[in-house]
Amino acid sequence: MFFASDNGGPVAPEVIEAIASANEGTAMPYGADPIMDSVRAKIRDIFEAPEAAVYLVARMDGGIEKAEGTAWAFAPGKLATNAHVTQAIKGREAEFFLVAPNGDKIEIAGVVSHPGYLAFKSYKTTQGVVRYETFAPLDLINEYDVGIIEIDPKIQLPATLEFASEEELEDLAPGTPVASIGYPVEGLAGGATATKAPATLHFGHISALTNVFMIRADPEHRLLIQHSVPVTGGASGSPLVDPSGKVIGIVNGGNTTVFKDKSEAMNAKVRVPSAALINFAQRVDLLQHLADGDAADDLDLYGAGVNPLPYRPSRSTT
């Protein structure tokens, strides 16, 4: 077997040309140069549409408007978010409303949650291992966490976001730059005025792609996107977009450590992000299937028919 460096050949002419072009004249350092100005301009152009299509999910609580999550328009009268957001709204639509990018408030007509959300949430509690006669369920992120908020279709939405194609989704790889646009509020300054604030833009990279059990899988079943985009409460439902501006996923959670806040109410808790910065998004084709009425086809809990556990809990030993 022979190993060699990957730089054994000459540099492509296009690379040399680009370096020579960038080396002309003088420029300020640390991102103040014309090239970085053009990069920032391109980013603004790419994300101008996503910002215009992102809405705050808010709730009226005792006469006070509170930010609850994020939603984004993808079709007339339809906005995407997480199933844990739509489940919170269900039956209490009159309490919740959307805040458009221009500040207008929009009533919510109804919600739809992926049928796999509650099913998987219940199912995962039955899977795990038994150690020293104590059953420990699998510690997994809630899967199939996608939902749809419905509004009056007569309301004109200024922009909608485009889904990445099936081929583009299956071609995703660790290291791909991604961004999200949403309304993170938990533990942040300005929470009291969040319903009047604009959406914020955050960047990161894909760190891993797995199936619903967070294990290796073929491209078709890599429905969980692990990424490094910062998230906190309120960011739930934010679109995760690729460098072209297409939506590849829906932000739905992150790795945090929960502490009890003794300075607040008895049940108050504080979530601290993990230093690993591994957060989660549901791949957008789950939303496409829900919108098309094909969500039941997603309920292959074992992913490609493979049991992710070497045994069932009832057969486990210490």
Protein backbone atom coordinates (compact mmCIF):
# COMPACT_ATOMS: atom_id res chain seq x y z
CA MET A 1 0.00 0.00 0.00
CA PHE A 2 1.34 3.42 -0.98
CA PHE A 3 0.43 6.67 0.82
CA ALA A 4 1.21 10.09 -0.60
CA SER A 5 0.28 13.68 0.04
CA ASP A 6 -2.72 15.13 -1.77
CA ASN A 7 -0.60 18.08 -2.91
CA GLY A 8 1.70 16.08 -5.16
CA GLY A 9 0.28 17.71 -8.27
CA PRO A 10 0.21 21.33 -9.42
CA VAL A 11 -2.36 23.83 -8.18
CA ALA A 12 -5.28 24.38 -10.52
CA PRO A 13 -4.80 27.49 -12.71
CA GLU A 14 -8.04 28.96 -11.36
CA VAL A 15 -6.65 28.88 -7.82
CA ILE A 16 -3.40 30.59 -8.82
CA GLU A 17 -5.36 33.20 -10.77
CA ALA A 18 -7.62 33.90 -7.78
CA ILE A 19 -4.63 34.23 -5.42
CA ALA A 20 -2.83 36.58 -7.81
CA SER A 21 -5.95 38.70 -8.19
CA ALA A 22 -6.43 38.93 -4.42
CA ASN A 23 -2.77 39.90 -3.99
CA GLU A 24 -3.06 43.12 -6.01
CA GLY A 25 -2.90 46.49 -4.29
CA THR A 26 -3.44 47.05 -0.56
CA ALA A 27 -6.35 46.25 1.73
CA MET A 28 -7.29 46.46 5.39
CA PRO A 29 -6.94 43.23 7.43
CA TYR A 30 -9.36 41.26 9.67
CA GLY A 31 -12.32 41.14 7.35
CA ALA A 32 -12.25 44.78 6.28
CA ASP A 33 -11.01 44.04 2.76
CA PRO A 34 -13.09 44.33 -0.46
CA ILE A 35 -13.26 40.54 -0.92
CA MET A 36 -14.94 40.08 2.46
CA ASP A 37 -17.27 42.97 1.63
CA SER A 38 -18.38 41.04 -1.46
CA VAL A 39 -18.82 37.84 0.61
CA ARG A 40 -21.01 39.69 3.11
CA ALA A 41 -23.04 41.20 0.26
CA LYS A 42 -23.59 37.73 -1.21
CA ILE A 43 -24.70 36.39 2.17
CA ARG A 44 -27.18 39.25 2.53
CA ASP A 45 -28.58 38.53 -0.93
CA ILE A 46 -28.92 34.81 -0.20
CA PHE A 47 -30.64 35.31 3.14
CA GLU A 48 -32.83 38.27 2.24
CA ALA A 49 -35.68 35.94 1.19
CA PRO A 50 -35.44 33.68 4.25
CA GLU A 51 -35.65 36.66 6.60
CA ALA A 52 -38.77 37.91 4.81
CA ALA A 53 -40.42 34.50 5.19
CA VAL A 54 -39.68 33.91 8.91
CA TYR A 55 -42.35 34.60 11.55
CA LEU A 56 -42.41 34.68 15.31
CA VAL A 57 -44.80 32.30 17.05
CA ALA A 58 -46.17 34.21 20.05
CA ARG A 59 -48.72 33.70 22.81
CA MET A 60 -50.85 36.05 24.87
CA ASP A 61 -50.31 35.20 28.54
CA GLY A 62 -52.16 37.31 31.11
CA GLY A 63 -52.20 40.28 28.78
CA ILE A 64 -48.48 39.94 28.02
CA GLU A 65 -47.15 38.91 24.61
CA LYS A 66 -44.56 36.15 24.89
CA ALA A 67 -42.30 34.67 22.22
CA GLU A 68 -42.70 30.89 21.91
CA GLY A 69 -41.00 29.76 18.71
CA THR A 70 -40.30 30.31 15.05
CA ALA A 71 -42.22 29.48 11.85
CA TRP A 72 -41.57 30.11 8.19
CA ALA A 73 -43.76 30.28 5.12
CA PHE A 74 -43.44 27.60 2.46
CA ALA A 75 -46.82 27.71 0.67
CA PRO A 76 -49.95 29.90 0.60
CA GLY A 77 -51.58 29.74 4.04
CA LYS A 78 -48.96 27.34 5.42
CA LEU A 79 -45.96 27.85 7.69
CA ALA A 80 -43.51 25.25 8.96
CA THR A 81 -42.39 24.78 12.55
CA ASN A 82 -41.77 21.94 15.02
CA ALA A 83 -44.36 19.41 16.15
CA HIS A 84 -43.62 20.34 19.75
CA VAL A 85 -44.72 23.88 18.83
CA THR A 86 -47.89 22.78 17.01
CA GLN A 87 -48.76 20.43 19.88
CA ALA A 88 -48.53 23.37 22.29
CA ILE A 89 -50.85 25.38 20.03
CA LYS A 90 -53.37 22.60 19.41
CA GLY A 91 -56.68 23.33 21.13
CA ARG A 92 -55.44 26.79 22.17
CA GLU A 93 -55.22 28.46 18.78
CA ALA A 94 -56.95 31.59 20.11
CA GLU A 95 -54.08 32.19 22.56
CA PHE A 96 -51.36 31.99 19.91
CA PHE A 97 -50.62 34.21 16.94
CA LEU A 98 -47.89 34.92 14.41
CA VAL A 99 -45.88 38.11 14.13
CA ALA A 100 -44.86 38.85 10.54
CA PRO A 101 -41.48 40.38 9.62
CA ASN A 102 -43.23 43.77 9.28
CA GLY A 103 -44.82 43.46 12.75
CA ASP A 104 -48.33 42.51 11.62
CA LYS A 105 -50.14 39.96 13.79
CA ILE A 106 -51.76 36.99 12.08
CA GLU A 107 -54.36 34.66 13.58
CA ILE A 108 -53.71 30.91 13.55
CA ALA A 109 -56.49 28.88 11.95
CA GLY A 110 -55.18 25.41 12.79
CA VAL A 111 -52.15 23.16 13.16
CA VAL A 112 -50.98 19.78 11.89
CA SER A 113 -48.30 17.65 13.58
CA HIS A 114 -46.33 14.81 12.03
CA PRO A 115 -47.99 11.54 13.17
CA GLY A 116 -44.58 10.14 14.03
CA TYR A 117 -43.84 12.77 16.68
CA LEU A 118 -46.01 11.47 19.50
CA ALA A 119 -45.56 7.87 18.33
CA PHE A 120 -41.77 8.07 18.47
CA LYS A 121 -41.81 10.01 21.74
CA SER A 122 -43.73 7.15 23.32
CA TYR A 123 -41.85 4.39 21.49
CA LYS A 124 -38.36 5.50 22.53
CA THR A 125 -39.27 5.10 26.20
CA THR A 126 -39.68 1.35 25.58
CA GLN A 127 -36.22 0.94 24.05
CA GLY A 128 -33.01 0.89 26.06
CA VAL A 129 -30.90 -1.30 28.28
CA VAL A 130 -31.23 -2.90 31.70
CA ARG A 131 -28.30 -2.48 34.03
CA TYR A 132 -28.34 -3.83 37.56
CA GLU A 133 -32.07 -4.55 37.22
CA THR A 134 -32.82 -0.92 36.31
CA PHE A 135 -34.21 -0.06 32.87
CA ALA A 136 -32.65 2.99 31.18
CA PRO A 137 -34.49 4.25 28.07
CA LEU A 138 -32.57 5.54 25.08
CA ASP A 139 -31.45 9.14 25.40
CA LEU A 140 -32.58 10.41 22.00
CA ILE A 141 -33.74 13.71 20.54
CA ASN A 142 -37.48 13.75 19.74
CA GLU A 143 -37.81 12.72 16.11
CA TYR A 144 -40.39 13.52 13.41
CA ASP A 145 -40.54 16.92 15.13
CA VAL A 146 -42.16 18.82 12.27
CA GLY A 147 -45.51 20.57 12.09
CA ILE A 148 -47.54 22.98 9.99
CA ILE A 149 -49.32 26.14 11.11
CA GLU A 150 -52.30 27.03 8.94
CA ILE A 151 -53.55 30.58 8.42
CA ASP A 152 -56.21 32.15 6.21
CA PRO A 153 -54.97 31.41 2.65
CA LYS A 154 -56.27 34.80 1.57
CA ILE A 155 -53.48 36.45 3.55
CA GLN A 156 -50.70 37.38 1.17
CA LEU A 157 -47.32 36.07 2.30
CA PRO A 158 -44.49 38.27 0.93
CA ALA A 159 -42.08 35.37 0.54
CA THR A 160 -41.88 31.60 0.82
CA LEU A 161 -38.83 29.38 1.20
CA GLU A 162 -37.76 26.65 -1.21
CA PHE A 163 -37.02 23.11 -0.07
CA ALA A 164 -33.78 21.45 -1.12
CA SER A 165 -34.43 18.60 -3.55
CA GLU A 166 -34.24 14.94 -2.54
CA GLU A 167 -30.93 14.62 -4.37
CA GLU A 168 -29.52 17.70 -2.62
CA LEU A 169 -30.61 16.36 0.78
CA GLU A 170 -29.00 12.98 0.20
CA ASP A 171 -25.79 14.71 -0.94
CA LEU A 172 -25.43 16.64 2.35
CA ALA A 173 -22.20 15.94 4.18
CA PRO A 174 -20.46 16.90 7.42
CA GLY A 175 -18.68 20.23 7.04
CA THR A 176 -21.39 21.79 4.87
CA PRO A 177 -21.90 25.45 5.91
CA VAL A 178 -25.45 26.13 7.15
CA ALA A 179 -27.39 28.96 8.73
CA SER A 180 -30.66 29.48 10.56
CA ILE A 181 -32.98 32.45 10.90
CA GLY A 182 -35.28 32.64 13.88
CA TYR A 183 -36.26 34.10 17.21
CA PRO A 184 -34.07 32.68 20.00
CA VAL A 185 -35.10 34.33 23.28
CA GLU A 186 -34.51 32.01 26.22
CA GLY A 187 -31.89 33.38 28.59
CA LEU A 188 -31.15 36.33 26.31
CA ALA A 189 -31.41 40.06 26.95
CA GLY A 190 -34.41 41.69 25.29
CA GLY A 191 -36.86 38.85 25.92
CA ALA A 192 -39.52 41.29 27.09
CA THR A 193 -39.51 43.02 23.69
CA ALA A 194 -39.00 39.89 21.55
CA THR A 195 -42.38 40.23 19.83
CA LYS A 196 -41.21 43.55 18.38
CA ALA A 197 -37.69 42.42 17.43
CA PRO A 198 -36.45 41.15 14.05
CA ALA A 199 -35.34 37.59 13.39
CA THR A 200 -31.65 36.88 13.92
CA LEU A 201 -29.24 35.05 11.64
CA HIS A 202 -26.80 32.40 12.92
CA PHE A 203 -24.14 30.32 11.18
CA GLY A 204 -22.53 26.91 11.67
CA HIS A 205 -21.72 23.65 9.92
CA ILE A 206 -23.21 20.18 9.63
CA SER A 207 -21.35 17.95 12.07
CA ALA A 208 -23.07 14.60 11.39
CA LEU A 209 -26.00 13.01 9.57
CA THR A 210 -27.80 10.05 11.18
CA ASN A 211 -31.09 8.20 11.25
CA VAL A 212 -33.75 8.75 13.92
CA PHE A 213 -31.75 6.63 16.39
CA MET A 214 -28.68 8.84 15.94
CA ILE A 215 -26.68 6.03 14.32
CA ARG A 216 -25.06 5.55 10.90
CA ALA A 217 -27.47 5.05 8.02
CA ASP A 218 -27.72 5.21 4.24
CA PRO A 219 -28.44 8.66 2.74
CA GLU A 220 -32.19 8.01 2.41
CA HIS A 221 -32.58 7.49 6.16
CA ARG A 222 -30.35 10.31 7.42
CA LEU A 223 -33.32 12.26 8.73
CA LEU A 224 -31.50 13.87 11.66
CA ILE A 225 -29.08 16.71 10.90
CA GLN A 226 -26.56 17.42 13.65
CA HIS A 227 -25.08 20.91 13.35
CA SER A 228 -23.19 23.64 15.20
CA VAL A 229 -25.62 26.53 14.69
CA PRO A 230 -26.33 28.02 18.17
CA VAL A 231 -29.87 27.38 19.43
CA THR A 232 -31.93 28.14 22.52
CA GLY A 233 -35.60 28.43 23.42
CA GLY A 234 -37.52 30.34 20.75
CA ALA A 235 -35.34 29.06 17.90
CA SER A 236 -37.53 25.95 17.63
CA GLY A 237 -38.92 25.74 14.12
CA SER A 238 -36.25 27.92 12.49
CA PRO A 239 -35.32 26.98 8.92
CA LEU A 240 -31.85 25.49 8.50
CA VAL A 241 -30.61 26.61 5.09
CA ASP A 242 -27.68 25.65 2.90
CA PRO A 243 -25.34 28.12 1.11
CA SER A 244 -27.83 28.45 -1.76
CA GLY A 245 -30.59 29.59 0.61
CA LYS A 246 -32.65 26.40 0.24
CA VAL A 247 -34.13 24.83 3.36
CA ILE A 248 -32.54 21.52 4.34
CA GLY A 249 -33.96 21.15 7.84
CA ILE A 250 -36.04 22.48 10.72
CA VAL A 251 -34.17 23.34 13.92
CA ASN A 252 -35.70 21.40 16.82
CA GLY A 253 -33.29 21.15 19.74
CA GLY A 254 -29.80 21.01 21.15
CA ASN A 255 -27.56 19.49 23.77
CA THR A 256 -27.98 21.35 27.04
CA THR A 257 -27.45 20.85 30.76
CA VAL A 258 -30.41 21.84 32.91
CA PHE A 259 -29.91 23.59 36.24
CA LYS A 260 -32.53 24.63 38.75
CA ASP A 261 -32.64 28.41 39.19
CA LYS A 262 -32.96 28.94 42.95
CA SER A 263 -33.41 32.68 42.49
CA GLU A 264 -36.64 32.20 40.54
CA ALA A 265 -39.87 30.25 40.98
CA MET A 266 -39.83 26.76 42.46
CA ASN A 267 -39.91 24.99 39.09
CA ALA A 268 -37.73 27.47 37.18
CA LYS A 269 -34.82 25.95 35.28
CA VAL A 270 -31.86 27.26 33.32
CA ARG A 271 -30.52 25.43 30.25
CA VAL A 272 -26.80 25.78 29.51
CA PRO A 273 -25.58 24.79 26.00
CA SER A 274 -23.03 21.99 25.75
CA ALA A 275 -19.50 23.05 24.81
CA ALA A 276 -19.61 20.42 22.06
CA LEU A 277 -22.16 22.62 20.27
CA ILE A 278 -23.95 19.67 18.69
CA ASN A 279 -27.52 20.70 17.96
CA PHE A 280 -30.29 19.16 15.90
CA ALA A 281 -32.60 19.70 12.94
CA GLN A 282 -35.17 17.47 11.25
CA ARG A 283 -34.51 16.96 7.55
CA VAL A 284 -36.97 18.96 5.49
CA ASP A 285 -38.34 16.05 3.46
CA LEU A 286 -40.28 15.04 6.61
CA LEU A 287 -42.12 18.34 6.24
CA GLN A 288 -42.63 17.77 2.52
CA HIS A 289 -44.22 14.40 3.23
CA LEU A 290 -46.47 15.94 5.89
CA ALA A 291 -47.60 18.66 3.48
CA ASP A 292 -48.23 16.07 0.75
CA GLY A 293 -50.22 13.80 3.08
CA ASP A 294 -47.57 11.04 2.94
CA ALA A 295 -46.21 11.39 6.49
CA ALA A 296 -47.33 7.90 7.50
CA ASP A 297 -44.73 6.52 5.09
CA ASP A 298 -42.01 8.02 7.31
CA LEU A 299 -42.85 5.77 10.24
CA ASP A 300 -40.11 3.21 9.67
CA LEU A 301 -38.96 3.36 13.28
CA TYR A 302 -36.04 1.03 12.72
CA GLY A 303 -34.74 2.91 9.70
CA ALA A 304 -34.19 0.66 6.68
CA GLY A 305 -35.58 -2.25 8.73
CA VAL A 306 -32.53 -2.50 10.99
CA ASN A 307 -32.96 -2.75 14.75
CA PRO A 308 -30.41 -0.27 16.18
CA LEU A 309 -30.12 -2.24 19.43
CA PRO A 310 -28.21 -5.50 19.80
CA TYR A 311 -31.14 -6.72 21.90
CA ARG A 312 -34.48 -5.67 23.31
CA PRO A 313 -34.68 -4.43 26.94
CA SER A 314 -36.54 -7.56 28.05
CA ARG A 315 -33.52 -9.62 27.02
CA SER A 316 -30.87 -7.33 28.44
CA THR A 317 -28.45 -8.29 31.17
CA THR A 318 -26.15 -6.32 33.42
